[in-house]
PDB file of all heavy atoms in Angstrom:
ATOM      1  N   GLN A   1       1.897 -15.552  -3.152  1.00  0.00           N
ATOM      2  CA  GLN A   1       0.851 -15.508  -4.153  1.00  0.00           C
ATOM      3  C   GLN A   1      -0.063 -14.271  -3.954  1.00  0.00           C
ATOM      4  O   GLN A   1      -0.441 -13.631  -4.944  1.00  0.00           O
ATOM      5  CB  GLN A   1       0.028 -16.792  -4.140  1.00  0.00           C
ATOM      6  CG  GLN A   1      -1.059 -16.904  -5.219  1.00  0.00           C
ATOM      7  CD  GLN A   1      -0.427 -16.860  -6.618  1.00  0.00           C
ATOM      8  OE1 GLN A   1       0.430 -17.694  -6.923  1.00  0.00           O
ATOM      9  NE2 GLN A   1      -0.763 -15.871  -7.452  1.00  0.00           N
ATOM     10  N   GLU A   2      -0.337 -13.985  -2.705  1.00  0.00           N
ATOM     11  CA  GLU A   2      -1.147 -12.759  -2.430  1.00  0.00           C
ATOM     12  C   GLU A   2      -0.376 -11.499  -2.779  1.00  0.00           C
ATOM     13  O   GLU A   2      -0.960 -10.543  -3.267  1.00  0.00           O
ATOM     14  CB  GLU A   2      -1.554 -12.742  -0.924  1.00  0.00           C
ATOM     15  CG  GLU A   2      -2.578 -13.819  -0.520  1.00  0.00           C
ATOM     16  CD  GLU A   2      -2.900 -13.772   0.871  1.00  0.00           C
ATOM     17  OE1 GLU A   2      -2.485 -12.817   1.574  1.00  0.00           O
ATOM     18  OE2 GLU A   2      -3.618 -14.655   1.398  1.00  0.00           O
ATOM     19  N   TRP A   3       0.970 -11.540  -2.574  1.00  0.00           N
ATOM     20  CA  TRP A   3       1.775 -10.402  -2.989  1.00  0.00           C
ATOM     21  C   TRP A   3       1.713 -10.192  -4.544  1.00  0.00           C
ATOM     22  O   TRP A   3       1.557  -9.090  -5.000  1.00  0.00           O
ATOM     23  CB  TRP A   3       3.189 -10.596  -2.510  1.00  0.00           C
ATOM     24  CG  TRP A   3       4.199  -9.808  -3.272  1.00  0.00           C
ATOM     25  CD1 TRP A   3       4.999 -10.217  -4.346  1.00  0.00           C
ATOM     26  CD2 TRP A   3       4.570  -8.438  -3.078  1.00  0.00           C
ATOM     27  NE1 TRP A   3       5.827  -9.236  -4.780  1.00  0.00           N
ATOM     28  CE2 TRP A   3       5.577  -8.142  -4.015  1.00  0.00           C
ATOM     29  CE3 TRP A   3       4.137  -7.462  -2.214  1.00  0.00           C
ATOM     30  CZ2 TRP A   3       6.146  -6.856  -4.109  1.00  0.00           C
ATOM     31  CZ3 TRP A   3       4.740  -6.177  -2.274  1.00  0.00           C
ATOM     32  CH2 TRP A   3       5.702  -5.891  -3.221  1.00  0.00           C
ATOM     33  N   ILE A   4       1.798 -11.322  -5.247  1.00  0.00           N
ATOM     34  CA  ILE A   4       1.721 -11.262  -6.711  1.00  0.00           C
ATOM     35  C   ILE A   4       0.369 -10.733  -7.150  1.00  0.00           C
ATOM     36  O   ILE A   4       0.227  -9.853  -8.077  1.00  0.00           O
ATOM     37  CB  ILE A   4       2.021 -12.655  -7.329  1.00  0.00           C
ATOM     38  CG1 ILE A   4       3.467 -13.032  -7.039  1.00  0.00           C
ATOM     39  CG2 ILE A   4       1.764 -12.620  -8.832  1.00  0.00           C
ATOM     40  CD1 ILE A   4       3.786 -14.455  -7.514  1.00  0.00           C
ATOM     41  N   ASP A   5      -0.698 -11.208  -6.520  1.00  0.00           N
ATOM     42  CA  ASP A   5      -2.023 -10.675  -6.847  1.00  0.00           C
ATOM     43  C   ASP A   5      -2.141  -9.200  -6.518  1.00  0.00           C
ATOM     44  O   ASP A   5      -2.827  -8.447  -7.240  1.00  0.00           O
ATOM     45  CB  ASP A   5      -3.098 -11.490  -6.071  1.00  0.00           C
ATOM     46  CG  ASP A   5      -3.151 -12.935  -6.472  1.00  0.00           C
ATOM     47  OD1 ASP A   5      -2.691 -13.249  -7.609  1.00  0.00           O
ATOM     48  OD2 ASP A   5      -3.656 -13.731  -5.697  1.00  0.00           O
ATOM     49  N   GLY A   6      -1.479  -8.770  -5.442  1.00  0.00           N
ATOM     50  CA  GLY A   6      -1.506  -7.343  -5.073  1.00  0.00           C
ATOM     51  C   GLY A   6      -0.786  -6.476  -6.074  1.00  0.00           C
ATOM     52  O   GLY A   6      -1.160  -5.324  -6.322  1.00  0.00           O
ATOM     53  N   LEU A   7       0.283  -7.041  -6.741  1.00  0.00           N
ATOM     54  CA  LEU A   7       0.969  -6.264  -7.763  1.00  0.00           C
ATOM     55  C   LEU A   7       0.029  -5.914  -8.936  1.00  0.00           C
ATOM     56  O   LEU A   7       0.169  -4.809  -9.503  1.00  0.00           O
ATOM     57  CB  LEU A   7       2.160  -7.067  -8.316  1.00  0.00           C
ATOM     58  CG  LEU A   7       3.397  -7.153  -7.439  1.00  0.00           C
ATOM     59  CD1 LEU A   7       4.455  -8.042  -8.136  1.00  0.00           C
ATOM     60  CD2 LEU A   7       3.994  -5.768  -7.152  1.00  0.00           C
ATOM     61  N   ASP A   8      -0.855  -6.825  -9.283  1.00  0.00           N
ATOM     62  CA  ASP A   8      -1.778  -6.544 -10.374  1.00  0.00           C
ATOM     63  C   ASP A   8      -2.749  -5.432 -10.045  1.00  0.00           C
ATOM     64  O   ASP A   8      -3.365  -4.865 -10.976  1.00  0.00           O
ATOM     65  CB  ASP A   8      -2.529  -7.810 -10.732  1.00  0.00           C
ATOM     66  CG  ASP A   8      -1.624  -8.912 -11.242  1.00  0.00           C
ATOM     67  OD1 ASP A   8      -0.533  -8.588 -11.780  1.00  0.00           O
ATOM     68  OD2 ASP A   8      -1.964 -10.101 -11.077  1.00  0.00           O
ATOM     69  N   GLU A   9      -2.936  -5.143  -8.756  1.00  0.00           N
ATOM     70  CA  GLU A   9      -3.886  -4.099  -8.336  1.00  0.00           C
ATOM     71  C   GLU A   9      -3.205  -2.733  -8.145  1.00  0.00           C
ATOM     72  O   GLU A   9      -3.903  -1.782  -7.806  1.00  0.00           O
ATOM     73  CB  GLU A   9      -4.573  -4.534  -7.041  1.00  0.00           C
ATOM     74  CG  GLU A   9      -5.414  -5.781  -7.209  1.00  0.00           C
ATOM     75  CD  GLU A   9      -6.039  -6.214  -5.887  1.00  0.00           C
ATOM     76  OE1 GLU A   9      -5.866  -5.492  -4.898  1.00  0.00           O
ATOM     77  OE2 GLU A   9      -6.721  -7.260  -5.881  1.00  0.00           O
ATOM     78  N   TRP A  10      -1.901  -2.672  -8.349  1.00  0.00           N
ATOM     79  CA  TRP A  10      -1.226  -1.376  -8.208  1.00  0.00           C
ATOM     80  C   TRP A  10      -1.743  -0.428  -9.362  1.00  0.00           C
ATOM     81  O   TRP A  10      -2.042  -0.917 -10.451  1.00  0.00           O
ATOM     82  CB  TRP A  10       0.310  -1.547  -8.381  1.00  0.00           C
ATOM     83  CG  TRP A  10       0.946  -2.113  -7.151  1.00  0.00           C
ATOM     84  CD1 TRP A  10       0.315  -2.649  -6.099  1.00  0.00           C
ATOM     85  CD2 TRP A  10       2.356  -2.107  -6.887  1.00  0.00           C
ATOM     86  NE1 TRP A  10       1.272  -3.066  -5.152  1.00  0.00           N
ATOM     87  CE2 TRP A  10       2.512  -2.769  -5.604  1.00  0.00           C
ATOM     88  CE3 TRP A  10       3.486  -1.669  -7.565  1.00  0.00           C
ATOM     89  CZ2 TRP A  10       3.746  -2.912  -5.031  1.00  0.00           C
ATOM     90  CZ3 TRP A  10       4.706  -1.868  -6.963  1.00  0.00           C
ATOM     91  CH2 TRP A  10       4.827  -2.465  -5.710  1.00  0.00           C
ATOM     92  N   PRO A  11      -1.837   0.837  -9.082  1.00  0.00           N
ATOM     93  CA  PRO A  11      -2.311   1.793 -10.102  1.00  0.00           C
ATOM     94  C   PRO A  11      -1.421   1.733 -11.306  1.00  0.00           C
ATOM     95  O   PRO A  11      -0.167   1.663 -11.223  1.00  0.00           O
ATOM     96  CB  PRO A  11      -2.252   3.136  -9.379  1.00  0.00           C
ATOM     97  CG  PRO A  11      -2.306   2.800  -7.932  1.00  0.00           C
ATOM     98  CD  PRO A  11      -1.559   1.478  -7.780  1.00  0.00           C
ATOM     99  N   SER A  12      -2.006   1.794 -12.504  1.00  0.00           N
ATOM    100  CA  SER A  12      -1.256   1.810 -13.710  1.00  0.00           C
ATOM    101  C   SER A  12      -0.541   3.153 -13.918  1.00  0.00           C
ATOM    102  O   SER A  12      -0.890   4.153 -13.318  1.00  0.00           O
ATOM    103  CB  SER A  12      -2.207   1.576 -14.897  1.00  0.00           C
ATOM    104  OG  SER A  12      -3.163   2.606 -14.989  1.00  0.00           O
ATOM    105  N   THR A  13       0.583   3.061 -14.647  1.00  0.00           N
ATOM    106  CA  THR A  13       1.385   4.256 -14.870  1.00  0.00           C
ATOM    107  C   THR A  13       1.796   4.291 -16.353  1.00  0.00           C
ATOM    108  O   THR A  13       1.908   3.267 -16.990  1.00  0.00           O
ATOM    109  CB  THR A  13       2.614   4.211 -13.965  1.00  0.00           C
ATOM    110  OG1 THR A  13       3.444   5.362 -14.269  1.00  0.00           O
ATOM    111  CG2 THR A  13       3.440   2.969 -14.206  1.00  0.00           C
ATOM    112  N   GLU A  14       2.023   5.500 -16.867  1.00  0.00           N
ATOM    113  CA  GLU A  14       2.466   5.686 -18.187  1.00  0.00           C
ATOM    114  C   GLU A  14       4.006   5.809 -18.310  1.00  0.00           C
ATOM    115  O   GLU A  14       4.525   5.821 -19.424  1.00  0.00           O
ATOM    116  CB  GLU A  14       1.838   6.999 -18.790  1.00  0.00           C
ATOM    117  CG  GLU A  14       0.315   6.945 -18.833  1.00  0.00           C
ATOM    118  CD  GLU A  14      -0.182   5.823 -19.722  1.00  0.00           C
ATOM    119  OE1 GLU A  14       0.532   5.485 -20.710  1.00  0.00           O
ATOM    120  OE2 GLU A  14      -1.291   5.271 -19.449  1.00  0.00           O
ATOM    121  N   ASP A  15       4.654   5.889 -17.190  1.00  0.00           N
ATOM    122  CA  ASP A  15       6.124   5.976 -17.154  1.00  0.00           C
ATOM    123  C   ASP A  15       6.716   4.641 -17.611  1.00  0.00           C
ATOM    124  O   ASP A  15       6.445   3.606 -17.013  1.00  0.00           O
ATOM    125  CB  ASP A  15       6.595   6.324 -15.765  1.00  0.00           C
ATOM    126  CG  ASP A  15       8.064   6.613 -15.749  1.00  0.00           C
ATOM    127  OD1 ASP A  15       8.741   6.467 -16.782  1.00  0.00           O
ATOM    128  OD2 ASP A  15       8.587   6.968 -14.641  1.00  0.00           O
ATOM    129  N   THR A  16       7.507   4.700 -18.702  1.00  0.00           N
ATOM    130  CA  THR A  16       8.105   3.441 -19.231  1.00  0.00           C
ATOM    131  C   THR A  16       8.996   2.788 -18.229  1.00  0.00           C
ATOM    132  O   THR A  16       9.003   1.514 -18.100  1.00  0.00           O
ATOM    133  CB  THR A  16       8.828   3.774 -20.520  1.00  0.00           C
ATOM    134  OG1 THR A  16       7.999   4.410 -21.427  1.00  0.00           O
ATOM    135  CG2 THR A  16       9.386   2.475 -21.151  1.00  0.00           C
ATOM    136  N   THR A  17       9.857   3.569 -17.577  1.00  0.00           N
ATOM    137  CA  THR A  17      10.750   2.991 -16.578  1.00  0.00           C
ATOM    138  C   THR A  17       9.974   2.330 -15.394  1.00  0.00           C
ATOM    139  O   THR A  17      10.387   1.224 -14.989  1.00  0.00           O
ATOM    140  CB  THR A  17      11.718   4.075 -16.045  1.00  0.00           C
ATOM    141  OG1 THR A  17      12.423   4.658 -17.112  1.00  0.00           O
ATOM    142  CG2 THR A  17      12.702   3.462 -15.066  1.00  0.00           C
ATOM    143  N   ALA A  18       8.988   2.980 -14.948  1.00  0.00           N
ATOM    144  CA  ALA A  18       8.203   2.432 -13.829  1.00  0.00           C
ATOM    145  C   ALA A  18       7.471   1.179 -14.286  1.00  0.00           C
ATOM    146  O   ALA A  18       7.411   0.191 -13.507  1.00  0.00           O
ATOM    147  CB  ALA A  18       7.173   3.460 -13.348  1.00  0.00           C
ATOM    148  N   ARG A  19       6.963   1.138 -15.522  1.00  0.00           N
ATOM    149  CA  ARG A  19       6.325  -0.099 -15.991  1.00  0.00           C
ATOM    150  C   ARG A  19       7.350  -1.257 -16.141  1.00  0.00           C
ATOM    151  O   ARG A  19       6.989  -2.391 -15.819  1.00  0.00           O
ATOM    152  CB  ARG A  19       5.658   0.212 -17.346  1.00  0.00           C
ATOM    153  CG  ARG A  19       4.490   1.154 -17.220  1.00  0.00           C
ATOM    154  CD  ARG A  19       3.944   1.563 -18.604  1.00  0.00           C
ATOM    155  NE  ARG A  19       3.499   0.399 -19.375  1.00  0.00           N
ATOM    156  CZ  ARG A  19       3.117   0.474 -20.621  1.00  0.00           C
ATOM    157  NH1 ARG A  19       3.075   1.643 -21.267  1.00  0.00           N
ATOM    158  NH2 ARG A  19       2.696  -0.603 -21.224  1.00  0.00           N
ATOM    159  N   ARG A  20       8.537  -0.908 -16.581  1.00  0.00           N
ATOM    160  CA  ARG A  20       9.565  -1.930 -16.737  1.00  0.00           C
ATOM    161  C   ARG A  20       9.952  -2.478 -15.325  1.00  0.00           C
ATOM    162  O   ARG A  20      10.055  -3.674 -15.110  1.00  0.00           O
ATOM    163  CB  ARG A  20      10.755  -1.363 -17.392  1.00  0.00           C
ATOM    164  CG  ARG A  20      11.926  -2.372 -17.532  1.00  0.00           C
ATOM    165  CD  ARG A  20      13.090  -1.736 -18.278  1.00  0.00           C
ATOM    166  NE  ARG A  20      14.204  -2.642 -18.381  1.00  0.00           N
ATOM    167  CZ  ARG A  20      15.124  -2.810 -17.421  1.00  0.00           C
ATOM    168  NH1 ARG A  20      15.054  -2.067 -16.345  1.00  0.00           N
ATOM    169  NH2 ARG A  20      16.131  -3.651 -17.574  1.00  0.00           N
ATOM    170  N   ASP A  21      10.123  -1.582 -14.351  1.00  0.00           N
ATOM    171  CA  ASP A  21      10.488  -2.029 -12.996  1.00  0.00           C
ATOM    172  C   ASP A  21       9.371  -2.889 -12.413  1.00  0.00           C
ATOM    173  O   ASP A  21       9.642  -3.885 -11.701  1.00  0.00           O
ATOM    174  CB  ASP A  21      10.737  -0.805 -12.103  1.00  0.00           C
ATOM    175  CG  ASP A  21      11.984  -0.093 -12.476  1.00  0.00           C
ATOM    176  OD1 ASP A  21      12.859  -0.670 -13.196  1.00  0.00           O
ATOM    177  OD2 ASP A  21      12.150   1.095 -12.062  1.00  0.00           O
ATOM    178  N   ARG A  22       8.118  -2.517 -12.706  1.00  0.00           N
ATOM    179  CA  ARG A  22       7.006  -3.330 -12.161  1.00  0.00           C
ATOM    180  C   ARG A  22       6.981  -4.684 -12.763  1.00  0.00           C
ATOM    181  O   ARG A  22       6.700  -5.705 -12.100  1.00  0.00           O
ATOM    182  CB  ARG A  22       5.697  -2.585 -12.384  1.00  0.00           C
ATOM    183  CG  ARG A  22       4.496  -3.199 -11.671  1.00  0.00           C
ATOM    184  CD  ARG A  22       3.307  -2.323 -11.759  1.00  0.00           C
ATOM    185  NE  ARG A  22       3.519  -1.026 -11.143  1.00  0.00           N
ATOM    186  CZ  ARG A  22       2.579  -0.074 -11.087  1.00  0.00           C
ATOM    187  NH1 ARG A  22       1.408  -0.257 -11.601  1.00  0.00           N
ATOM    188  NH2 ARG A  22       2.867   1.097 -10.508  1.00  0.00           N
ATOM    189  N   GLU A  23       7.291  -4.755 -14.098  1.00  0.00           N
ATOM    190  CA  GLU A  23       7.330  -6.065 -14.742  1.00  0.00           C
ATOM    191  C   GLU A  23       8.456  -6.921 -14.190  1.00  0.00           C
ATOM    192  O   GLU A  23       8.308  -8.119 -14.014  1.00  0.00           O
ATOM    193  CB  GLU A  23       7.461  -5.894 -16.228  1.00  0.00           C
ATOM    194  CG  GLU A  23       7.292  -7.168 -17.067  1.00  0.00           C
ATOM    195  CD  GLU A  23       5.932  -7.772 -16.841  1.00  0.00           C
ATOM    196  OE1 GLU A  23       4.959  -7.102 -16.681  1.00  0.00           O
ATOM    197  OE2 GLU A  23       5.838  -9.026 -16.896  1.00  0.00           O
ATOM    198  N   LEU A  24       9.595  -6.292 -13.874  1.00  0.00           N
ATOM    199  CA  LEU A  24      10.686  -7.051 -13.278  1.00  0.00           C
ATOM    200  C   LEU A  24      10.325  -7.552 -11.870  1.00  0.00           C
ATOM    201  O   LEU A  24      10.736  -8.623 -11.472  1.00  0.00           O
ATOM    202  CB  LEU A  24      11.923  -6.136 -13.152  1.00  0.00           C
ATOM    203  CG  LEU A  24      12.623  -5.814 -14.478  1.00  0.00           C
ATOM    204  CD1 LEU A  24      13.791  -4.831 -14.249  1.00  0.00           C
ATOM    205  CD2 LEU A  24      13.171  -7.075 -15.151  1.00  0.00           C
ATOM    206  N   LEU A  25       9.507  -6.749 -11.125  1.00  0.00           N
ATOM    207  CA  LEU A  25       8.992  -7.242  -9.839  1.00  0.00           C
ATOM    208  C   LEU A  25       8.162  -8.522 -10.015  1.00  0.00           C
ATOM    209  O   LEU A  25       8.233  -9.445  -9.213  1.00  0.00           O
ATOM    210  CB  LEU A  25       8.184  -6.163  -9.184  1.00  0.00           C
ATOM    211  CG  LEU A  25       8.906  -5.005  -8.491  1.00  0.00           C
ATOM    212  CD1 LEU A  25       7.965  -4.017  -7.886  1.00  0.00           C
ATOM    213  CD2 LEU A  25       9.888  -5.519  -7.433  1.00  0.00           C
ATOM    214  N   ARG A  26       7.302  -8.488 -11.045  1.00  0.00           N
ATOM    215  CA  ARG A  26       6.485  -9.702 -11.281  1.00  0.00           C
ATOM    216  C   ARG A  26       7.340 -10.913 -11.606  1.00  0.00           C
ATOM    217  O   ARG A  26       7.088 -11.985 -11.143  1.00  0.00           O
ATOM    218  CB  ARG A  26       5.496  -9.430 -12.418  1.00  0.00           C
ATOM    219  CG  ARG A  26       4.424  -8.394 -12.121  1.00  0.00           C
ATOM    220  CD  ARG A  26       3.349  -8.389 -13.212  1.00  0.00           C
ATOM    221  NE  ARG A  26       2.303  -7.397 -12.920  1.00  0.00           N
ATOM    222  CZ  ARG A  26       2.278  -6.179 -13.363  1.00  0.00           C
ATOM    223  NH1 ARG A  26       3.277  -5.747 -14.121  1.00  0.00           N
ATOM    224  NH2 ARG A  26       1.270  -5.364 -13.048  1.00  0.00           N
ATOM    225  N   VAL A  27       8.366 -10.652 -12.436  1.00  0.00           N
ATOM    226  CA  VAL A  27       9.286 -11.775 -12.769  1.00  0.00           C
ATOM    227  C   VAL A  27      10.012 -12.322 -11.562  1.00  0.00           C
ATOM    228  O   VAL A  27      10.090 -13.518 -11.346  1.00  0.00           O
ATOM    229  CB  VAL A  27      10.304 -11.340 -13.848  1.00  0.00           C
ATOM    230  CG1 VAL A  27      11.351 -12.403 -14.123  1.00  0.00           C
ATOM    231  CG2 VAL A  27       9.587 -10.971 -15.155  1.00  0.00           C
ATOM    232  N   ARG A  28      10.544 -11.402 -10.729  1.00  0.00           N
ATOM    233  CA  ARG A  28      11.239 -11.844  -9.538  1.00  0.00           C
ATOM    234  C   ARG A  28      10.299 -12.499  -8.543  1.00  0.00           C
ATOM    235  O   ARG A  28      10.645 -13.458  -7.888  1.00  0.00           O
ATOM    236  CB  ARG A  28      11.937 -10.631  -8.913  1.00  0.00           C
ATOM    237  CG  ARG A  28      12.934 -10.999  -7.794  1.00  0.00           C
ATOM    238  CD  ARG A  28      13.655  -9.791  -7.262  1.00  0.00           C
ATOM    239  NE  ARG A  28      14.517  -9.198  -8.252  1.00  0.00           N
ATOM    240  CZ  ARG A  28      15.747  -9.608  -8.510  1.00  0.00           C
ATOM    241  NH1 ARG A  28      16.247 -10.660  -7.863  1.00  0.00           N
ATOM    242  NH2 ARG A  28      16.501  -8.942  -9.378  1.00  0.00           N
ATOM    243  N   SER A  29       9.072 -12.007  -8.480  1.00  0.00           N
ATOM    244  CA  SER A  29       8.061 -12.639  -7.570  1.00  0.00           C
ATOM    245  C   SER A  29       7.722 -14.036  -7.996  1.00  0.00           C
ATOM    246  O   SER A  29       7.619 -14.972  -7.149  1.00  0.00           O
ATOM    247  CB  SER A  29       6.791 -11.779  -7.553  1.00  0.00           C
ATOM    248  OG  SER A  29       7.047 -10.467  -7.042  1.00  0.00           O
ATOM    249  N   ARG A  30       7.586 -14.257  -9.331  1.00  0.00           N
ATOM    250  CA  ARG A  30       7.307 -15.587  -9.807  1.00  0.00           C
ATOM    251  C   ARG A  30       8.464 -16.542  -9.572  1.00  0.00           C
ATOM    252  O   ARG A  30       8.328 -17.724  -9.288  1.00  0.00           O
ATOM    253  CB  ARG A  30       6.951 -15.542 -11.273  1.00  0.00           C
ATOM    254  CG  ARG A  30       5.577 -14.923 -11.598  1.00  0.00           C
ATOM    255  CD  ARG A  30       5.155 -15.183 -12.992  1.00  0.00           C
ATOM    256  NE  ARG A  30       6.027 -14.527 -13.970  1.00  0.00           N
ATOM    257  CZ  ARG A  30       5.782 -13.344 -14.483  1.00  0.00           C
ATOM    258  NH1 ARG A  30       4.701 -12.639 -14.113  1.00  0.00           N
ATOM    259  NH2 ARG A  30       6.585 -12.776 -15.351  1.00  0.00           N
ATOM    260  N   ASP A  31       9.703 -15.967  -9.646  1.00  0.00           N
ATOM    261  CA  ASP A  31      10.895 -16.777  -9.397  1.00  0.00           C
ATOM    262  C   ASP A  31      10.916 -17.217  -7.893  1.00  0.00           C
ATOM    263  O   ASP A  31      11.236 -18.343  -7.589  1.00  0.00           O
ATOM    264  CB  ASP A  31      12.139 -15.963  -9.728  1.00  0.00           C
ATOM    265  CG  ASP A  31      13.418 -16.740  -9.490  1.00  0.00           C
ATOM    266  OD1 ASP A  31      13.619 -17.753 -10.201  1.00  0.00           O
ATOM    267  OD2 ASP A  31      14.169 -16.389  -8.593  1.00  0.00           O
ATOM    268  N   VAL A  32      10.563 -16.257  -7.008  1.00  0.00           N
ATOM    269  CA  VAL A  32      10.508 -16.606  -5.597  1.00  0.00           C
ATOM    270  C   VAL A  32       9.470 -17.676  -5.336  1.00  0.00           C
ATOM    271  O   VAL A  32       9.675 -18.665  -4.576  1.00  0.00           O
ATOM    272  CB  VAL A  32      10.210 -15.361  -4.738  1.00  0.00           C
ATOM    273  CG1 VAL A  32       9.969 -15.734  -3.283  1.00  0.00           C
ATOM    274  CG2 VAL A  32      11.366 -14.388  -4.817  1.00  0.00           C
ATOM    275  N   LEU A  33       8.306 -17.568  -5.981  1.00  0.00           N
ATOM    276  CA  LEU A  33       7.231 -18.531  -5.848  1.00  0.00           C
ATOM    277  C   LEU A  33       7.655 -19.905  -6.357  1.00  0.00           C
ATOM    278  O   LEU A  33       7.349 -20.928  -5.724  1.00  0.00           O
ATOM    279  CB  LEU A  33       6.004 -18.065  -6.602  1.00  0.00           C
ATOM    280  CG  LEU A  33       4.740 -18.947  -6.449  1.00  0.00           C
ATOM    281  CD1 LEU A  33       4.287 -18.962  -5.009  1.00  0.00           C
ATOM    282  CD2 LEU A  33       3.635 -18.403  -7.341  1.00  0.00           C
ATOM    283  N   GLU A  34       8.443 -19.897  -7.433  1.00  0.00           N
ATOM    284  CA  GLU A  34       8.933 -21.189  -7.984  1.00  0.00           C
ATOM    285  C   GLU A  34       9.912 -21.848  -6.995  1.00  0.00           C
ATOM    286  O   GLU A  34       9.883 -23.069  -6.801  1.00  0.00           O
ATOM    287  CB  GLU A  34       9.591 -20.948  -9.350  1.00  0.00           C
ATOM    288  CG  GLU A  34       9.970 -22.203 -10.082  1.00  0.00           C
ATOM    289  CD  GLU A  34      11.383 -22.663  -9.762  1.00  0.00           C
ATOM    290  OE1 GLU A  34      12.185 -21.840  -9.339  1.00  0.00           O
ATOM    291  OE2 GLU A  34      11.605 -23.891  -9.913  1.00  0.00           O
ATOM    292  N   HIS A  35      10.753 -21.056  -6.346  1.00  0.00           N
ATOM    293  CA  HIS A  35      11.661 -21.604  -5.359  1.00  0.00           C
ATOM    294  C   HIS A  35      10.914 -22.177  -4.175  1.00  0.00           C
ATOM    295  O   HIS A  35      11.295 -23.195  -3.621  1.00  0.00           O
ATOM    296  CB  HIS A  35      12.660 -20.538  -4.947  1.00  0.00           C
ATOM    297  CG  HIS A  35      13.701 -20.223  -5.982  1.00  0.00           C
ATOM    298  ND1 HIS A  35      14.828 -19.513  -5.680  1.00  0.00           N
ATOM    299  CD2 HIS A  35      13.779 -20.536  -7.289  1.00  0.00           C
ATOM    300  CE1 HIS A  35      15.585 -19.376  -6.780  1.00  0.00           C
ATOM    301  NE2 HIS A  35      14.909 -19.970  -7.767  1.00  0.00           N
ATOM    302  N   ILE A  36       9.875 -21.480  -3.743  1.00  0.00           N
ATOM    303  CA  ILE A  36       9.078 -22.001  -2.630  1.00  0.00           C
ATOM    304  C   ILE A  36       8.408 -23.294  -2.975  1.00  0.00           C
ATOM    305  O   ILE A  36       8.332 -24.231  -2.186  1.00  0.00           O
ATOM    306  CB  ILE A  36       8.066 -20.951  -2.200  1.00  0.00           C
ATOM    307  CG1 ILE A  36       8.749 -19.720  -1.644  1.00  0.00           C
ATOM    308  CG2 ILE A  36       7.095 -21.512  -1.171  1.00  0.00           C
ATOM    309  CD1 ILE A  36       7.801 -18.568  -1.318  1.00  0.00           C
ATOM    310  N   GLU A  37       7.971 -23.389  -4.243  1.00  0.00           N
ATOM    311  CA  GLU A  37       7.370 -24.643  -4.703  1.00  0.00           C
ATOM    312  C   GLU A  37       8.342 -25.766  -4.643  1.00  0.00           C
ATOM    313  O   GLU A  37       8.019 -26.898  -4.339  1.00  0.00           O
ATOM    314  CB  GLU A  37       6.852 -24.480  -6.159  1.00  0.00           C
ATOM    315  CG  GLU A  37       5.627 -23.528  -6.301  1.00  0.00           C
ATOM    316  CD  GLU A  37       4.359 -24.167  -5.812  1.00  0.00           C
ATOM    317  OE1 GLU A  37       4.393 -25.305  -5.415  1.00  0.00           O
ATOM    318  OE2 GLU A  37       3.324 -23.447  -5.809  1.00  0.00           O
ATOM    319  N   ARG A  38       9.617 -25.466  -5.007  1.00  0.00           N
ATOM    320  CA  ARG A  38      10.643 -26.485  -4.939  1.00  0.00           C
ATOM    321  C   ARG A  38      10.888 -26.949  -3.497  1.00  0.00           C
ATOM    322  O   ARG A  38      11.048 -28.153  -3.227  1.00  0.00           O
ATOM    323  CB  ARG A  38      11.952 -25.965  -5.532  1.00  0.00           C
ATOM    324  CG  ARG A  38      11.937 -25.802  -7.051  1.00  0.00           C
ATOM    325  CD  ARG A  38      13.100 -25.006  -7.562  1.00  0.00           C
ATOM    326  NE  ARG A  38      14.369 -25.636  -7.122  1.00  0.00           N
ATOM    327  CZ  ARG A  38      15.557 -25.075  -7.240  1.00  0.00           C
ATOM    328  NH1 ARG A  38      15.648 -23.819  -7.805  1.00  0.00           N
ATOM    329  NH2 ARG A  38      16.670 -25.664  -6.830  1.00  0.00           N
ATOM    330  N   VAL A  39      10.917 -25.992  -2.580  1.00  0.00           N
ATOM    331  CA  VAL A  39      11.105 -26.340  -1.159  1.00  0.00           C
ATOM    332  C   VAL A  39       9.921 -27.204  -0.689  1.00  0.00           C
ATOM    333  O   VAL A  39      10.083 -28.220   0.018  1.00  0.00           O
ATOM    334  CB  VAL A  39      11.231 -25.063  -0.321  1.00  0.00           C
ATOM    335  CG1 VAL A  39      11.226 -25.409   1.173  1.00  0.00           C
ATOM    336  CG2 VAL A  39      12.533 -24.357  -0.647  1.00  0.00           C
ATOM    337  N   LEU A  40       8.670 -26.799  -1.051  1.00  0.00           N
ATOM    338  CA  LEU A  40       7.516 -27.490  -0.629  1.00  0.00           C
ATOM    339  C   LEU A  40       7.515 -28.901  -1.212  1.00  0.00           C
ATOM    340  O   LEU A  40       7.191 -29.879  -0.549  1.00  0.00           O
ATOM    341  CB  LEU A  40       6.242 -26.739  -1.059  1.00  0.00           C
ATOM    342  CG  LEU A  40       4.909 -27.348  -0.717  1.00  0.00           C
ATOM    343  CD1 LEU A  40       4.750 -27.557   0.795  1.00  0.00           C
ATOM    344  CD2 LEU A  40       3.767 -26.531  -1.259  1.00  0.00           C
ATOM    345  N   GLY A  41       7.908 -29.043  -2.499  1.00  0.00           N
ATOM    346  CA  GLY A  41       7.998 -30.348  -3.122  1.00  0.00           C
ATOM    347  C   GLY A  41       9.028 -31.239  -2.398  1.00  0.00           C
ATOM    348  O   GLY A  41       8.792 -32.445  -2.231  1.00  0.00           O
ATOM    349  N   HIS A  42      10.159 -30.631  -2.034  1.00  0.00           N
ATOM    350  CA  HIS A  42      11.181 -31.432  -1.320  1.00  0.00           C
ATOM    351  C   HIS A  42      10.689 -31.909   0.036  1.00  0.00           C
ATOM    352  O   HIS A  42      10.918 -33.075   0.447  1.00  0.00           O
ATOM    353  CB  HIS A  42      12.491 -30.587  -1.201  1.00  0.00           C
ATOM    354  CG  HIS A  42      13.553 -31.340  -0.477  1.00  0.00           C
ATOM    355  ND1 HIS A  42      13.927 -31.056   0.803  1.00  0.00           N
ATOM    356  CD2 HIS A  42      14.376 -32.340  -0.901  1.00  0.00           C
ATOM    357  CE1 HIS A  42      14.920 -31.856   1.156  1.00  0.00           C
ATOM    358  NE2 HIS A  42      15.212 -32.666   0.138  1.00  0.00           N
ATOM    359  N   VAL A  43      10.058 -31.008   0.764  1.00  0.00           N
ATOM    360  CA  VAL A  43       9.544 -31.391   2.089  1.00  0.00           C
ATOM    361  C   VAL A  43       8.512 -32.517   1.962  1.00  0.00           C
ATOM    362  O   VAL A  43       8.482 -33.460   2.742  1.00  0.00           O
ATOM    363  CB  VAL A  43       8.950 -30.149   2.830  1.00  0.00           C
ATOM    364  CG1 VAL A  43       8.188 -30.582   4.057  1.00  0.00           C
ATOM    365  CG2 VAL A  43      10.051 -29.137   3.148  1.00  0.00           C
TER     366      VAL A  43
END
C-alpha cells in the first residue's frame, strides 16, 4: 500500500508511453494487493 501511495508521488510526465507504463504499474500493484488480501483472508 505504501508502494502504491508512492507511485502517486512520482513526478508527472508528458510522455504518453511513460504515462501508460505508469498506469500499468498501478494496475499490477493493485492486483498484487488484492492477492495479498486473499492470502490474509485465508489465514
